[in-house]
Amino acid sequence: MIDRFLSNMSVDIAPFALCMLDSGWRLTLPGPPVSMLHFIVQGDGWVIGPDQQRKRIGANWMIVVPNGMVHSLETASAIVDELTIPCTPDGPPIHRIVAGDGGPVDMVVGCGTLSVRYGETIGLFDHLQDLLIVDLSSVPEVPQLFQSMLTEQSQMQMGTPVLQGAIMTQLMVHMLRQVAVDSDYHLPWLSALDDDRLGRVIDQMIAKPSVHHTVESLAETANMSRSTFAKHFHDTFNRSPISMLNHLRMEQAARLLKTGRMPVDQVASRVGFSSRSHFSQAFKKHTGSTPADFRQA
């Protein structure tokens, strides 16, 4: 499962900020449109999601926050004050956010946004519904890896983004190893890729988005009956195969528009649309922007 994912994985990260919480403070963070990553550099405390359930965290733990989820970090001591920030913290080189009034620092957290993709299209955390909290304190390499990433960010030399991505990839490997052996964790994409039948379907969608796929043809690729395939797919991803296909087509179109100069007509054809107007309508519904506006943004 992990080897299959890693062989097609790409990692993009934004510069990290250091969030420093004094004893008795809470830091409330916004829900950005992409996944957010916290790495507990030192100390321990709690993370609280929108359901107000408090979950314990400690040094060298990693937290992945789903897209759009407002959440809070708290120190272990009783909370006496709070800082709420309106936007996602970032660098460079190392931006510091202090929740406190000059008292002793109880917890230091590296905070940033993260995109981990399979086949440059599928986001590993796209369907994450709850906080993913992974204890990596038993992995001796992890603290040095994260510190190396912060050091590289502070220097901002030629090739820094590439090197940071490589370091984060190593951290992701350690996290995914832990996720794979712990039954408390559930990531739909890993479950799908662990099932050769669904894995073949996903790979087919990514490799040939312009093909006129149907539920029947995808079920045949999975070597399953139509009804069994449709139910199994929906149970895994909480969406229908055609809904997923449309999502992947739009994500691939977004990357083509951002990373190349291919005309919009050709992008539409590449992802399975014979009509530019139909593609433009679908793309705007998916992203909120027309293809032309998206490319220029």
C-alpha atoms as a PDB file:
ATOM      1  CA  MET A   1       0.000   0.000   0.000  1.00  0.00           C
ATOM      2  CA  ILE A   2       2.585   2.585   1.088  1.00  0.00           C
ATOM      3  CA  ASP A   3       5.049   1.606  -1.649  1.00  0.00           C
ATOM      4  CA  ARG A   4       2.369   2.081  -4.296  1.00  0.00           C
ATOM      5  CA  PHE A   5       1.488   5.499  -2.938  1.00  0.00           C
ATOM      6  CA  LEU A   6       5.090   6.625  -2.486  1.00  0.00           C
ATOM      7  CA  SER A   7       6.063   5.668  -6.025  1.00  0.00           C
ATOM      8  CA  ASN A   8       3.554   8.254  -7.306  1.00  0.00           C
ATOM      9  CA  MET A   9       3.661  10.797  -4.474  1.00  0.00           C
ATOM     10  CA  SER A  10       4.391  14.511  -4.739  1.00  0.00           C
ATOM     11  CA  VAL A  11       4.684  16.851  -1.751  1.00  0.00           C
ATOM     12  CA  ASP A  12       4.226  20.633  -1.743  1.00  0.00           C
ATOM     13  CA  ILE A  13       4.576  22.672   1.443  1.00  0.00           C
ATOM     14  CA  ALA A  14       4.333  26.326   2.351  1.00  0.00           C
ATOM     15  CA  PRO A  15       6.955  27.865   4.661  1.00  0.00           C
ATOM     16  CA  PHE A  16       6.362  26.935   8.284  1.00  0.00           C
ATOM     17  CA  ALA A  17       5.686  29.340  11.128  1.00  0.00           C
ATOM     18  CA  LEU A  18       6.571  28.636  14.743  1.00  0.00           C
ATOM     19  CA  CYS A  19       3.600  28.987  17.065  1.00  0.00           C
ATOM     20  CA  MET A  20       4.695  29.500  20.667  1.00  0.00           C
ATOM     21  CA  LEU A  21       2.176  29.072  23.468  1.00  0.00           C
ATOM     22  CA  ASP A  22       2.808  30.394  26.949  1.00  0.00           C
ATOM     23  CA  SER A  23       1.537  28.445  29.919  1.00  0.00           C
ATOM     24  CA  GLY A  24      -2.254  28.676  30.171  1.00  0.00           C
ATOM     25  CA  TRP A  25      -2.867  29.945  26.629  1.00  0.00           C
ATOM     26  CA  ARG A  26      -4.985  28.772  23.729  1.00  0.00           C
ATOM     27  CA  LEU A  27      -4.229  29.526  20.057  1.00  0.00           C
ATOM     28  CA  THR A  28      -7.164  29.332  17.633  1.00  0.00           C
ATOM     29  CA  LEU A  29      -6.307  28.952  13.952  1.00  0.00           C
ATOM     30  CA  PRO A  30      -8.414  29.378  10.794  1.00  0.00           C
ATOM     31  CA  GLY A  31      -9.398  26.629   8.409  1.00  0.00           C
ATOM     32  CA  PRO A  32      -7.460  27.220   5.171  1.00  0.00           C
ATOM     33  CA  PRO A  33      -8.715  25.736   1.863  1.00  0.00           C
ATOM     34  CA  VAL A  34      -5.894  23.169   1.965  1.00  0.00           C
ATOM     35  CA  SER A  35      -4.747  20.768   4.656  1.00  0.00           C
ATOM     36  CA  MET A  36      -2.770  22.196   7.561  1.00  0.00           C
ATOM     37  CA  LEU A  37       0.108  20.446   9.294  1.00  0.00           C
ATOM     38  CA  HIS A  38       1.281  20.891  12.877  1.00  0.00           C
ATOM     39  CA  PHE A  39       4.469  19.385  14.252  1.00  0.00           C
ATOM     40  CA  ILE A  40       4.923  19.580  18.022  1.00  0.00           C
ATOM     41  CA  VAL A  41       8.519  20.734  18.463  1.00  0.00           C
ATOM     42  CA  GLN A  42       8.429  20.793  22.250  1.00  0.00           C
ATOM     43  CA  GLY A  43       5.979  20.515  25.114  1.00  0.00           C
ATOM     44  CA  ASP A  44       2.576  18.885  25.276  1.00  0.00           C
ATOM     45  CA  GLY A  45      -1.037  19.933  25.411  1.00  0.00           C
ATOM     46  CA  TRP A  46      -4.281  19.543  23.504  1.00  0.00           C
ATOM     47  CA  VAL A  47      -5.753  20.085  20.062  1.00  0.00           C
ATOM     48  CA  ILE A  48      -9.464  20.893  19.768  1.00  0.00           C
ATOM     49  CA  GLY A  49     -11.565  20.492  16.631  1.00  0.00           C
ATOM     50  CA  PRO A  50     -14.977  22.000  15.791  1.00  0.00           C
ATOM     51  CA  ASP A  51     -16.725  19.360  17.912  1.00  0.00           C
ATOM     52  CA  GLN A  52     -14.844  20.773  20.935  1.00  0.00           C
ATOM     53  CA  GLN A  53     -13.389  17.364  21.729  1.00  0.00           C
ATOM     54  CA  ARG A  54      -9.928  17.784  23.274  1.00  0.00           C
ATOM     55  CA  LYS A  55      -7.244  15.371  22.050  1.00  0.00           C
ATOM     56  CA  ARG A  56      -3.882  14.963  23.732  1.00  0.00           C
ATOM     57  CA  ILE A  57      -0.707  15.860  21.813  1.00  0.00           C
ATOM     58  CA  GLY A  58       2.983  15.726  22.696  1.00  0.00           C
ATOM     59  CA  ALA A  59       6.483  16.411  21.438  1.00  0.00           C
ATOM     60  CA  ASN A  60       7.268  14.953  17.985  1.00  0.00           C
ATOM     61  CA  TRP A  61       3.614  14.293  17.231  1.00  0.00           C
ATOM     62  CA  MET A  62       2.211  15.276  13.845  1.00  0.00           C
ATOM     63  CA  ILE A  63      -1.295  16.638  13.294  1.00  0.00           C
ATOM     64  CA  VAL A  64      -2.996  16.947   9.905  1.00  0.00           C
ATOM     65  CA  VAL A  65      -6.014  19.262   9.899  1.00  0.00           C
ATOM     66  CA  PRO A  66      -8.679  18.757   7.193  1.00  0.00           C
ATOM     67  CA  ASN A  67      -9.404  21.491   4.668  1.00  0.00           C
ATOM     68  CA  GLY A  68     -11.413  24.329   6.169  1.00  0.00           C
ATOM     69  CA  MET A  69     -11.400  23.119   9.779  1.00  0.00           C
ATOM     70  CA  VAL A  70     -11.101  25.835  12.428  1.00  0.00           C
ATOM     71  CA  HIS A  71      -9.199  24.399  15.387  1.00  0.00           C
ATOM     72  CA  SER A  72      -7.286  25.329  18.524  1.00  0.00           C
ATOM     73  CA  LEU A  73      -4.072  24.375  20.287  1.00  0.00           C
ATOM     74  CA  GLU A  74      -3.939  24.487  24.088  1.00  0.00           C
ATOM     75  CA  THR A  75      -1.184  24.059  26.628  1.00  0.00           C
ATOM     76  CA  ALA A  76      -1.510  21.366  29.265  1.00  0.00           C
ATOM     77  CA  SER A  77      -2.147  23.870  32.075  1.00  0.00           C
ATOM     78  CA  ALA A  78      -5.515  25.491  32.784  1.00  0.00           C
ATOM     79  CA  ILE A  79      -6.442  28.029  30.096  1.00  0.00           C
ATOM     80  CA  VAL A  80      -6.522  31.669  31.201  1.00  0.00           C
ATOM     81  CA  ASP A  81      -6.329  33.515  27.869  1.00  0.00           C
ATOM     82  CA  GLU A  82      -6.601  33.030  24.105  1.00  0.00           C
ATOM     83  CA  LEU A  83      -5.213  34.350  20.836  1.00  0.00           C
ATOM     84  CA  THR A  84      -7.182  33.972  17.609  1.00  0.00           C
ATOM     85  CA  ILE A  85      -5.459  34.655  14.309  1.00  0.00           C
ATOM     86  CA  PRO A  86      -7.489  35.400  11.159  1.00  0.00           C
ATOM     87  CA  CYS A  87      -5.231  33.839   8.551  1.00  0.00           C
ATOM     88  CA  THR A  88      -2.930  30.869   8.087  1.00  0.00           C
ATOM     89  CA  PRO A  89       0.519  31.453   9.618  1.00  0.00           C
ATOM     90  CA  ASP A  90       3.474  31.236   7.276  1.00  0.00           C
ATOM     91  CA  GLY A  91       7.032  32.403   6.659  1.00  0.00           C
ATOM     92  CA  PRO A  92       9.578  33.077   5.350  1.00  0.00           C
ATOM     93  CA  PRO A  93      12.052  32.893   6.756  1.00  0.00           C
ATOM     94  CA  ILE A  94      10.634  31.826  10.150  1.00  0.00           C
ATOM     95  CA  HIS A  95       7.539  33.717  11.220  1.00  0.00           C
ATOM     96  CA  ARG A  96       6.771  33.462  14.938  1.00  0.00           C
ATOM     97  CA  ILE A  97       3.334  33.701  16.495  1.00  0.00           C
ATOM     98  CA  VAL A  98       3.299  34.089  20.258  1.00  0.00           C
ATOM     99  CA  ALA A  99       0.163  33.248  22.219  1.00  0.00           C
ATOM    100  CA  GLY A 100       1.142  34.664  25.578  1.00  0.00           C
ATOM    101  CA  ASP A 101       2.251  37.638  27.624  1.00  0.00           C
ATOM    102  CA  GLY A 102       5.892  36.896  28.246  1.00  0.00           C
ATOM    103  CA  GLY A 103       5.437  33.946  30.585  1.00  0.00           C
ATOM    104  CA  PRO A 104       7.130  30.557  30.295  1.00  0.00           C
ATOM    105  CA  VAL A 105       6.655  28.857  26.909  1.00  0.00           C
ATOM    106  CA  ASP A 106       4.873  25.536  27.401  1.00  0.00           C
ATOM    107  CA  MET A 107       4.545  24.401  23.804  1.00  0.00           C
ATOM    108  CA  VAL A 108       6.218  25.165  20.450  1.00  0.00           C
ATOM    109  CA  VAL A 109       4.473  24.024  17.274  1.00  0.00           C
ATOM    110  CA  GLY A 110       5.561  24.174  13.648  1.00  0.00           C
ATOM    111  CA  CYS A 111       2.519  25.252  11.616  1.00  0.00           C
ATOM    112  CA  GLY A 112       2.122  25.237   7.841  1.00  0.00           C
ATOM    113  CA  THR A 113      -0.028  24.124   4.925  1.00  0.00           C
ATOM    114  CA  LEU A 114       0.583  20.910   3.064  1.00  0.00           C
ATOM    115  CA  SER A 115      -0.380  19.154  -0.159  1.00  0.00           C
ATOM    116  CA  VAL A 116       0.437  15.455  -0.576  1.00  0.00           C
ATOM    117  CA  ARG A 117      -0.759  14.044  -3.878  1.00  0.00           C
ATOM    118  CA  TYR A 118      -0.913  10.714  -5.660  1.00  0.00           C
ATOM    119  CA  GLY A 119      -0.339  10.959  -9.392  1.00  0.00           C
ATOM    120  CA  GLU A 120      -0.206  14.771  -9.042  1.00  0.00           C
ATOM    121  CA  THR A 121      -4.008  14.755  -8.928  1.00  0.00           C
ATOM    122  CA  ILE A 122      -5.351  12.960  -5.861  1.00  0.00           C
ATOM    123  CA  GLY A 123      -4.861  14.696  -2.539  1.00  0.00           C
ATOM    124  CA  LEU A 124      -4.065  12.196   0.209  1.00  0.00           C
ATOM    125  CA  PHE A 125      -6.008  14.284   2.712  1.00  0.00           C
ATOM    126  CA  ASP A 126      -8.834  15.417   0.401  1.00  0.00           C
ATOM    127  CA  HIS A 127     -11.427  13.282   2.164  1.00  0.00           C
ATOM    128  CA  LEU A 128     -10.110  13.596   5.688  1.00  0.00           C
ATOM    129  CA  GLN A 129     -13.084  14.280   7.961  1.00  0.00           C
ATOM    130  CA  ASP A 130     -11.379  14.517  11.340  1.00  0.00           C
ATOM    131  CA  LEU A 131      -8.037  15.520  12.797  1.00  0.00           C
ATOM    132  CA  LEU A 132      -5.301  13.010  11.992  1.00  0.00           C
ATOM    133  CA  ILE A 133      -2.992  12.823  15.031  1.00  0.00           C
ATOM    134  CA  VAL A 134       0.067  10.594  14.737  1.00  0.00           C
ATOM    135  CA  ASP A 135       2.574   9.940  17.509  1.00  0.00           C
ATOM    136  CA  LEU A 136       6.066   9.863  15.976  1.00  0.00           C
ATOM    137  CA  SER A 137       7.976  10.219  19.254  1.00  0.00           C
ATOM    138  CA  SER A 138       9.329   6.674  18.929  1.00  0.00           C
ATOM    139  CA  VAL A 139      11.024   7.460  15.584  1.00  0.00           C
ATOM    140  CA  PRO A 140      14.496   8.849  16.407  1.00  0.00           C
ATOM    141  CA  GLU A 141      15.024  10.484  12.992  1.00  0.00           C
ATOM    142  CA  VAL A 142      11.914  12.656  13.152  1.00  0.00           C
ATOM    143  CA  PRO A 143      13.054  15.584  15.369  1.00  0.00           C
ATOM    144  CA  GLN A 144      16.214  16.120  13.330  1.00  0.00           C
ATOM    145  CA  LEU A 145      14.297  15.942  10.054  1.00  0.00           C
ATOM    146  CA  PHE A 146      11.904  18.682  11.103  1.00  0.00           C
ATOM    147  CA  GLN A 147      14.713  20.819  12.495  1.00  0.00           C
ATOM    148  CA  SER A 148      16.600  20.406   9.211  1.00  0.00           C
ATOM    149  CA  MET A 149      13.547  21.683   7.342  1.00  0.00           C
ATOM    150  CA  LEU A 150      13.310  24.767   9.566  1.00  0.00           C
ATOM    151  CA  THR A 151      17.045  25.413   9.202  1.00  0.00           C
ATOM    152  CA  GLU A 152      16.785  25.213   5.426  1.00  0.00           C
ATOM    153  CA  GLN A 153      13.818  27.583   5.475  1.00  0.00           C
ATOM    154  CA  SER A 154      15.695  30.120   7.609  1.00  0.00           C
ATOM    155  CA  GLN A 155      18.595  30.207   5.132  1.00  0.00           C
ATOM    156  CA  MET A 156      16.463  30.385   1.948  1.00  0.00           C
ATOM    157  CA  GLN A 157      19.184  29.330  -0.468  1.00  0.00           C
ATOM    158  CA  MET A 158      18.940  28.151  -4.058  1.00  0.00           C
ATOM    159  CA  GLY A 159      16.960  24.922  -4.128  1.00  0.00           C
ATOM    160  CA  THR A 160      15.410  25.423  -0.688  1.00  0.00           C
ATOM    161  CA  PRO A 161      11.834  24.517  -1.797  1.00  0.00           C
ATOM    162  CA  VAL A 162      13.082  21.309  -3.420  1.00  0.00           C
ATOM    163  CA  LEU A 163      15.096  20.286  -0.371  1.00  0.00           C
ATOM    164  CA  GLN A 164      12.230  21.125   1.986  1.00  0.00           C
ATOM    165  CA  GLY A 165       9.915  18.987  -0.117  1.00  0.00           C
ATOM    166  CA  ALA A 166      12.388  16.096   0.053  1.00  0.00           C
ATOM    167  CA  ILE A 167      12.629  16.381   3.841  1.00  0.00           C
ATOM    168  CA  MET A 168       8.851  16.553   4.195  1.00  0.00           C
ATOM    169  CA  THR A 169       8.562  13.467   2.003  1.00  0.00           C
ATOM    170  CA  GLN A 170      10.705  11.589   4.542  1.00  0.00           C
ATOM    171  CA  LEU A 171       8.465  12.795   7.363  1.00  0.00           C
ATOM    172  CA  MET A 172       5.416  11.666   5.385  1.00  0.00           C
ATOM    173  CA  VAL A 173       6.956   8.212   4.968  1.00  0.00           C
ATOM    174  CA  HIS A 174       7.344   7.882   8.735  1.00  0.00           C
ATOM    175  CA  MET A 175       3.793   9.109   9.277  1.00  0.00           C
ATOM    176  CA  LEU A 176       2.303   6.741   6.688  1.00  0.00           C
ATOM    177  CA  ARG A 177       4.188   3.797   8.172  1.00  0.00           C
ATOM    178  CA  GLN A 178       2.552   4.535  11.507  1.00  0.00           C
ATOM    179  CA  VAL A 179      -0.861   5.011   9.920  1.00  0.00           C
ATOM    180  CA  ALA A 180      -0.517   1.683   8.097  1.00  0.00           C
ATOM    181  CA  VAL A 181       0.030  -0.335  11.286  1.00  0.00           C
ATOM    182  CA  ASP A 182      -2.461   1.438  13.543  1.00  0.00           C
ATOM    183  CA  SER A 183      -6.096   0.464  13.068  1.00  0.00           C
ATOM    184  CA  ASP A 184      -7.256   3.726  14.687  1.00  0.00           C
ATOM    185  CA  TYR A 185      -6.249   5.655  11.578  1.00  0.00           C
ATOM    186  CA  HIS A 186      -8.281   5.656   8.371  1.00  0.00           C
ATOM    187  CA  LEU A 187      -7.294   7.436   5.169  1.00  0.00           C
ATOM    188  CA  PRO A 188      -9.656   6.608   2.277  1.00  0.00           C
ATOM    189  CA  TRP A 189      -6.969   6.900  -0.390  1.00  0.00           C
ATOM    190  CA  LEU A 190      -4.697   4.415   1.321  1.00  0.00           C
ATOM    191  CA  SER A 191      -7.608   2.023   1.772  1.00  0.00           C
ATOM    192  CA  ALA A 192      -8.392   2.318  -1.926  1.00  0.00           C
ATOM    193  CA  LEU A 193      -4.826   1.811  -3.069  1.00  0.00           C
ATOM    194  CA  ASP A 194      -4.542  -1.190  -0.800  1.00  0.00           C
ATOM    195  CA  ASP A 195      -7.408  -2.744  -2.781  1.00  0.00           C
ATOM    196  CA  ASP A 196      -6.038  -3.664  -6.214  1.00  0.00           C
ATOM    197  CA  ARG A 197      -9.513  -3.419  -7.707  1.00  0.00           C
ATOM    198  CA  LEU A 198     -10.101   0.186  -6.640  1.00  0.00           C
ATOM    199  CA  GLY A 199      -6.445   0.994  -7.237  1.00  0.00           C
ATOM    200  CA  ARG A 200      -6.797  -0.019 -10.880  1.00  0.00           C
ATOM    201  CA  VAL A 201      -9.863   2.191 -11.248  1.00  0.00           C
ATOM    202  CA  ILE A 202      -8.194   5.235  -9.703  1.00  0.00           C
ATOM    203  CA  ASP A 203      -5.098   4.761 -11.866  1.00  0.00           C
ATOM    204  CA  GLN A 204      -7.325   4.461 -14.950  1.00  0.00           C
ATOM    205  CA  MET A 205      -9.129   7.698 -14.082  1.00  0.00           C
ATOM    206  CA  ILE A 206      -5.836   9.544 -13.632  1.00  0.00           C
ATOM    207  CA  ALA A 207      -4.053   8.110 -16.665  1.00  0.00           C
ATOM    208  CA  LYS A 208      -6.964   8.434 -19.113  1.00  0.00           C
ATOM    209  CA  PRO A 209      -9.243  11.299 -18.032  1.00  0.00           C
ATOM    210  CA  SER A 210     -10.386  11.942 -21.614  1.00  0.00           C
ATOM    211  CA  VAL A 211     -11.904   8.467 -21.994  1.00  0.00           C
ATOM    212  CA  HIS A 212     -15.693   8.218 -21.742  1.00  0.00           C
ATOM    213  CA  HIS A 213     -15.731   6.300 -18.480  1.00  0.00           C
ATOM    214  CA  THR A 214     -19.019   4.964 -17.120  1.00  0.00           C
ATOM    215  CA  VAL A 215     -19.874   3.140 -13.924  1.00  0.00           C
ATOM    216  CA  GLU A 216     -20.140  -0.022 -16.007  1.00  0.00           C
ATOM    217  CA  SER A 217     -16.718   0.392 -17.650  1.00  0.00           C
ATOM    218  CA  LEU A 218     -15.067   1.238 -14.332  1.00  0.00           C
ATOM    219  CA  ALA A 219     -16.732  -1.766 -12.687  1.00  0.00           C
ATOM    220  CA  GLU A 220     -15.313  -3.918 -15.470  1.00  0.00           C
ATOM    221  CA  THR A 221     -11.831  -2.492 -14.781  1.00  0.00           C
ATOM    222  CA  ALA A 222     -12.304  -3.452 -11.137  1.00  0.00           C
ATOM    223  CA  ASN A 223     -13.594  -6.893 -12.168  1.00  0.00           C
ATOM    224  CA  MET A 224     -16.709  -6.356 -10.045  1.00  0.00           C
ATOM    225  CA  SER A 225     -20.414  -6.219 -10.747  1.00  0.00           C
ATOM    226  CA  ARG A 226     -21.831  -2.746 -11.292  1.00  0.00           C
ATOM    227  CA  SER A 227     -23.810  -2.669  -8.047  1.00  0.00           C
ATOM    228  CA  THR A 228     -21.023  -4.138  -5.901  1.00  0.00           C
ATOM    229  CA  PHE A 229     -18.465  -1.751  -7.374  1.00  0.00           C
ATOM    230  CA  ALA A 230     -20.675   1.317  -6.932  1.00  0.00           C
ATOM    231  CA  LYS A 231     -21.375   0.464  -3.281  1.00  0.00           C
ATOM    232  CA  HIS A 232     -17.757  -0.401  -2.479  1.00  0.00           C
ATOM    233  CA  PHE A 233     -16.518   2.780  -4.129  1.00  0.00           C
ATOM    234  CA  HIS A 234     -19.042   4.958  -2.289  1.00  0.00           C
ATOM    235  CA  ASP A 235     -18.294   3.273   1.035  1.00  0.00           C
ATOM    236  CA  THR A 236     -14.587   4.036   0.588  1.00  0.00           C
ATOM    237  CA  PHE A 237     -14.756   7.601  -0.725  1.00  0.00           C
ATOM    238  CA  ASN A 238     -18.213   8.778   0.324  1.00  0.00           C
ATOM    239  CA  ARG A 239     -18.941   9.803  -3.260  1.00  0.00           C
ATOM    240  CA  SER A 240     -19.946   8.081  -6.495  1.00  0.00           C
ATOM    241  CA  PRO A 241     -17.405   6.936  -9.124  1.00  0.00           C
ATOM    242  CA  ILE A 242     -18.599   9.572 -11.616  1.00  0.00           C
ATOM    243  CA  SER A 243     -18.424  12.310  -8.988  1.00  0.00           C
ATOM    244  CA  MET A 244     -14.861  11.233  -8.252  1.00  0.00           C
ATOM    245  CA  LEU A 245     -14.020  11.142 -11.961  1.00  0.00           C
ATOM    246  CA  ASN A 246     -15.279  14.705 -12.393  1.00  0.00           C
ATOM    247  CA  HIS A 247     -13.278  15.817  -9.357  1.00  0.00           C
ATOM    248  CA  LEU A 248     -10.082  14.279 -10.725  1.00  0.00           C
ATOM    249  CA  ARG A 249     -10.679  15.805 -14.158  1.00  0.00           C
ATOM    250  CA  MET A 250     -11.046  19.274 -12.633  1.00  0.00           C
ATOM    251  CA  GLU A 251      -7.959  18.837 -10.463  1.00  0.00           C
ATOM    252  CA  GLN A 252      -5.931  17.742 -13.481  1.00  0.00           C
ATOM    253  CA  ALA A 253      -7.273  20.658 -15.503  1.00  0.00           C
ATOM    254  CA  ALA A 254      -6.267  23.055 -12.722  1.00  0.00           C
ATOM    255  CA  ARG A 255      -2.708  21.759 -12.801  1.00  0.00           C
ATOM    256  CA  LEU A 256      -2.524  21.979 -16.593  1.00  0.00           C
ATOM    257  CA  LEU A 257      -3.756  25.570 -16.502  1.00  0.00           C
ATOM    258  CA  LYS A 258      -1.297  26.594 -13.787  1.00  0.00           C
ATOM    259  CA  THR A 259       1.822  24.809 -14.978  1.00  0.00           C
ATOM    260  CA  GLY A 260       1.671  25.169 -18.759  1.00  0.00           C
ATOM    261  CA  ARG A 261       0.543  27.264 -21.691  1.00  0.00           C
ATOM    262  CA  MET A 262      -1.830  24.765 -23.248  1.00  0.00           C
ATOM    263  CA  PRO A 263      -4.883  26.559 -24.701  1.00  0.00           C
ATOM    264  CA  VAL A 264      -8.101  26.157 -22.753  1.00  0.00           C
ATOM    265  CA  ASP A 265      -9.666  24.193 -25.631  1.00  0.00           C
ATOM    266  CA  GLN A 266      -6.865  21.643 -25.442  1.00  0.00           C
ATOM    267  CA  VAL A 267      -7.072  21.437 -21.631  1.00  0.00           C
ATOM    268  CA  ALA A 268     -10.790  20.741 -21.951  1.00  0.00           C
ATOM    269  CA  SER A 269     -10.154  17.978 -24.493  1.00  0.00           C
ATOM    270  CA  ARG A 270      -7.321  16.512 -22.408  1.00  0.00           C
ATOM    271  CA  VAL A 271      -9.645  15.993 -19.434  1.00  0.00           C
ATOM    272  CA  GLY A 272     -12.594  14.622 -21.373  1.00  0.00           C
ATOM    273  CA  PHE A 273     -14.693  17.620 -22.508  1.00  0.00           C
ATOM    274  CA  SER A 274     -15.615  18.087 -26.164  1.00  0.00           C
ATOM    275  CA  SER A 275     -17.159  21.503 -25.478  1.00  0.00           C
ATOM    276  CA  ARG A 276     -15.143  24.435 -24.126  1.00  0.00           C
ATOM    277  CA  SER A 277     -18.280  26.083 -22.721  1.00  0.00           C
ATOM    278  CA  HIS A 278     -19.295  22.894 -20.888  1.00  0.00           C
ATOM    279  CA  PHE A 279     -15.771  22.576 -19.501  1.00  0.00           C
ATOM    280  CA  SER A 280     -15.730  26.225 -18.400  1.00  0.00           C
ATOM    281  CA  GLN A 281     -19.027  25.808 -16.565  1.00  0.00           C
ATOM    282  CA  ALA A 282     -17.831  22.652 -14.817  1.00  0.00           C
ATOM    283  CA  PHE A 283     -14.476  24.219 -13.935  1.00  0.00           C
ATOM    284  CA  LYS A 284     -16.074  27.343 -12.468  1.00  0.00           C
ATOM    285  CA  LYS A 285     -18.417  25.197 -10.397  1.00  0.00           C
ATOM    286  CA  HIS A 286     -15.405  23.278  -9.068  1.00  0.00           C
ATOM    287  CA  THR A 287     -13.014  26.176  -8.399  1.00  0.00           C
ATOM    288  CA  GLY A 288     -15.165  29.299  -8.335  1.00  0.00           C
ATOM    289  CA  SER A 289     -13.192  30.757 -11.273  1.00  0.00           C
ATOM    290  CA  THR A 290     -13.295  30.498 -15.045  1.00  0.00           C
ATOM    291  CA  PRO A 291     -10.300  28.701 -16.600  1.00  0.00           C
ATOM    292  CA  ALA A 292      -8.917  32.013 -17.894  1.00  0.00           C
ATOM    293  CA  ASP A 293      -9.231  33.763 -14.520  1.00  0.00           C
ATOM    294  CA  PHE A 294      -7.759  30.749 -12.720  1.00  0.00           C
ATOM    295  CA  ARG A 295      -4.712  30.758 -14.984  1.00  0.00           C
ATOM    296  CA  GLN A 296      -4.080  34.470 -14.412  1.00  0.00           C
ATOM    297  CA  ALA A 297      -4.560  34.410 -10.630  1.00  0.00           C
END
